[in-house]
């Protein structure tokens, strides 16, 4: 089964680009998504876009507990200093 999804990339309130993405999924997954989308009064395409945005938002942040573990790591401070030096000297680039 193939579904086309329109994905909007938004920054503030401006829509910069929209892309259509085709995905394949088995019948059971499609039926599950269809049920959830209907329960939320959304189209399948809109529900998948919503679910993807929520997932990405949740994956972009760490919990207070996880942040505490990161900050308390013994090599954290030296790793940050090294990274700052590399960025300043342009030894690394971000993609």
C-alpha atoms as a PDB file:
ATOM      1  CA  UNK A   1       0.000   0.000   0.000  1.00  0.00           C
ATOM      2  CA  UNK A   2       1.398   3.439  -0.920  1.00  0.00           C
ATOM      3  CA  UNK A   3       0.258   6.724   0.641  1.00  0.00           C
ATOM      4  CA  UNK A   4       1.341  10.182  -0.450  1.00  0.00           C
ATOM      5  CA  UNK A   5       1.927  12.702   2.316  1.00  0.00           C
ATOM      6  CA  UNK A   6       2.429  16.447   2.037  1.00  0.00           C
ATOM      7  CA  UNK A   7       5.053  17.597   4.528  1.00  0.00           C
ATOM      8  CA  UNK A   8       5.382  21.287   5.355  1.00  0.00           C
ATOM      9  CA  UNK A   9       8.559  22.717   6.831  1.00  0.00           C
ATOM     10  CA  UNK A  10       7.581  25.727   8.913  1.00  0.00           C
ATOM     11  CA  UNK A  11       9.632  28.392  10.595  1.00  0.00           C
ATOM     12  CA  UNK A  12       7.519  30.646  12.791  1.00  0.00           C
ATOM     13  CA  UNK A  13       4.382  31.223  10.734  1.00  0.00           C
ATOM     14  CA  UNK A  14       5.956  31.135   7.269  1.00  0.00           C
ATOM     15  CA  UNK A  15       5.732  28.010   5.118  1.00  0.00           C
ATOM     16  CA  UNK A  16       8.941  27.697   3.103  1.00  0.00           C
ATOM     17  CA  UNK A  17       8.439  24.495   1.174  1.00  0.00           C
ATOM     18  CA  UNK A  18       6.125  21.550   0.811  1.00  0.00           C
ATOM     19  CA  UNK A  19       7.184  18.107  -0.372  1.00  0.00           C
ATOM     20  CA  UNK A  20       5.181  15.030  -1.238  1.00  0.00           C
ATOM     21  CA  UNK A  21       6.506  11.795   0.229  1.00  0.00           C
ATOM     22  CA  UNK A  22       5.324   8.304  -0.685  1.00  0.00           C
ATOM     23  CA  UNK A  23       5.600   5.570   1.919  1.00  0.00           C
ATOM     24  CA  UNK A  24       4.810   1.881   1.869  1.00  0.00           C
ATOM     25  CA  UNK A  25       3.253   0.160   4.849  1.00  0.00           C
ATOM     26  CA  UNK A  26       1.540  -3.105   5.522  1.00  0.00           C
ATOM     27  CA  UNK A  27      -2.222  -3.345   5.678  1.00  0.00           C
ATOM     28  CA  UNK A  28      -2.397  -3.685   9.488  1.00  0.00           C
ATOM     29  CA  UNK A  29      -0.351  -0.529  10.074  1.00  0.00           C
ATOM     30  CA  UNK A  30      -2.435   1.377   7.523  1.00  0.00           C
ATOM     31  CA  UNK A  31      -5.667   0.274   9.205  1.00  0.00           C
ATOM     32  CA  UNK A  32      -4.331   1.272  12.627  1.00  0.00           C
ATOM     33  CA  UNK A  33      -3.297   4.711  11.403  1.00  0.00           C
ATOM     34  CA  UNK A  34      -6.629   5.115   9.644  1.00  0.00           C
ATOM     35  CA  UNK A  35      -8.542   4.348  12.871  1.00  0.00           C
ATOM     36  CA  UNK A  36      -6.456   6.760  14.943  1.00  0.00           C
ATOM     37  CA  UNK A  37      -6.699   9.485  12.282  1.00  0.00           C
ATOM     38  CA  UNK A  38     -10.504   9.159  12.161  1.00  0.00           C
ATOM     39  CA  UNK A  39     -10.708   9.232  15.966  1.00  0.00           C
ATOM     40  CA  UNK A  40      -8.730  12.500  15.878  1.00  0.00           C
ATOM     41  CA  UNK A  41     -10.877  13.869  13.027  1.00  0.00           C
ATOM     42  CA  UNK A  42      -7.823  14.076  10.748  1.00  0.00           C
ATOM     43  CA  UNK A  43      -6.985  12.761   7.315  1.00  0.00           C
ATOM     44  CA  UNK A  44      -4.410   9.983   7.217  1.00  0.00           C
ATOM     45  CA  UNK A  45      -1.885  12.333   5.634  1.00  0.00           C
ATOM     46  CA  UNK A  46      -2.500  15.021   8.252  1.00  0.00           C
ATOM     47  CA  UNK A  47      -2.298  12.525  11.109  1.00  0.00           C
ATOM     48  CA  UNK A  48       1.010  11.068   9.890  1.00  0.00           C
ATOM     49  CA  UNK A  49       2.457  14.587   9.544  1.00  0.00           C
ATOM     50  CA  UNK A  50       1.207  15.449  13.057  1.00  0.00           C
ATOM     51  CA  UNK A  51       2.657  12.226  14.503  1.00  0.00           C
ATOM     52  CA  UNK A  52       6.010  12.835  12.810  1.00  0.00           C
ATOM     53  CA  UNK A  53       6.180  16.409  14.142  1.00  0.00           C
ATOM     54  CA  UNK A  54       5.369  15.215  17.676  1.00  0.00           C
ATOM     55  CA  UNK A  55       7.990  12.466  17.491  1.00  0.00           C
ATOM     56  CA  UNK A  56      10.673  14.859  16.234  1.00  0.00           C
ATOM     57  CA  UNK A  57       9.805  17.423  18.897  1.00  0.00           C
ATOM     58  CA  UNK A  58      10.017  14.833  21.663  1.00  0.00           C
ATOM     59  CA  UNK A  59      13.306  13.462  20.282  1.00  0.00           C
ATOM     60  CA  UNK A  60      14.822  16.971  20.154  1.00  0.00           C
ATOM     61  CA  UNK A  61      14.771  17.495  23.915  1.00  0.00           C
ATOM     62  CA  UNK A  62      16.188  15.593  26.852  1.00  0.00           C
ATOM     63  CA  UNK A  63      14.592  15.150  30.250  1.00  0.00           C
ATOM     64  CA  UNK A  64      15.930  16.918  33.345  1.00  0.00           C
ATOM     65  CA  UNK A  65      17.253  13.569  34.579  1.00  0.00           C
ATOM     66  CA  UNK A  66      19.072  12.877  31.312  1.00  0.00           C
ATOM     67  CA  UNK A  67      20.515  16.409  31.234  1.00  0.00           C
ATOM     68  CA  UNK A  68      21.795  15.927  34.794  1.00  0.00           C
ATOM     69  CA  UNK A  69      23.561  12.733  33.722  1.00  0.00           C
ATOM     70  CA  UNK A  70      25.115  14.502  30.722  1.00  0.00           C
ATOM     71  CA  UNK A  71      26.348  17.455  32.763  1.00  0.00           C
ATOM     72  CA  UNK A  72      27.757  15.248  35.533  1.00  0.00           C
ATOM     73  CA  UNK A  73      29.790  13.093  33.138  1.00  0.00           C
ATOM     74  CA  UNK A  74      33.475  13.341  34.034  1.00  0.00           C
ATOM     75  CA  UNK A  75      34.658  14.236  30.505  1.00  0.00           C
ATOM     76  CA  UNK A  76      31.828  16.627  29.632  1.00  0.00           C
ATOM     77  CA  UNK A  77      33.620  19.912  30.388  1.00  0.00           C
ATOM     78  CA  UNK A  78      36.792  18.955  28.512  1.00  0.00           C
ATOM     79  CA  UNK A  79      34.753  17.671  25.547  1.00  0.00           C
ATOM     80  CA  UNK A  80      32.891  20.985  25.367  1.00  0.00           C
ATOM     81  CA  UNK A  81      36.173  22.933  25.432  1.00  0.00           C
ATOM     82  CA  UNK A  82      37.608  20.746  22.669  1.00  0.00           C
ATOM     83  CA  UNK A  83      34.465  21.158  20.574  1.00  0.00           C
ATOM     84  CA  UNK A  84      34.530  24.952  20.989  1.00  0.00           C
ATOM     85  CA  UNK A  85      38.174  25.058  19.847  1.00  0.00           C
ATOM     86  CA  UNK A  86      37.405  22.880  16.826  1.00  0.00           C
ATOM     87  CA  UNK A  87      34.436  25.051  15.864  1.00  0.00           C
ATOM     88  CA  UNK A  88      36.446  28.240  16.256  1.00  0.00           C
ATOM     89  CA  UNK A  89      39.322  26.876  14.154  1.00  0.00           C
ATOM     90  CA  UNK A  90      36.825  25.477  11.611  1.00  0.00           C
ATOM     91  CA  UNK A  91      38.193  21.940  12.033  1.00  0.00           C
ATOM     92  CA  UNK A  92      34.608  20.705  11.920  1.00  0.00           C
ATOM     93  CA  UNK A  93      31.561  21.627   9.918  1.00  0.00           C
ATOM     94  CA  UNK A  94      27.907  21.198  10.665  1.00  0.00           C
ATOM     95  CA  UNK A  95      25.562  19.685   8.123  1.00  0.00           C
END
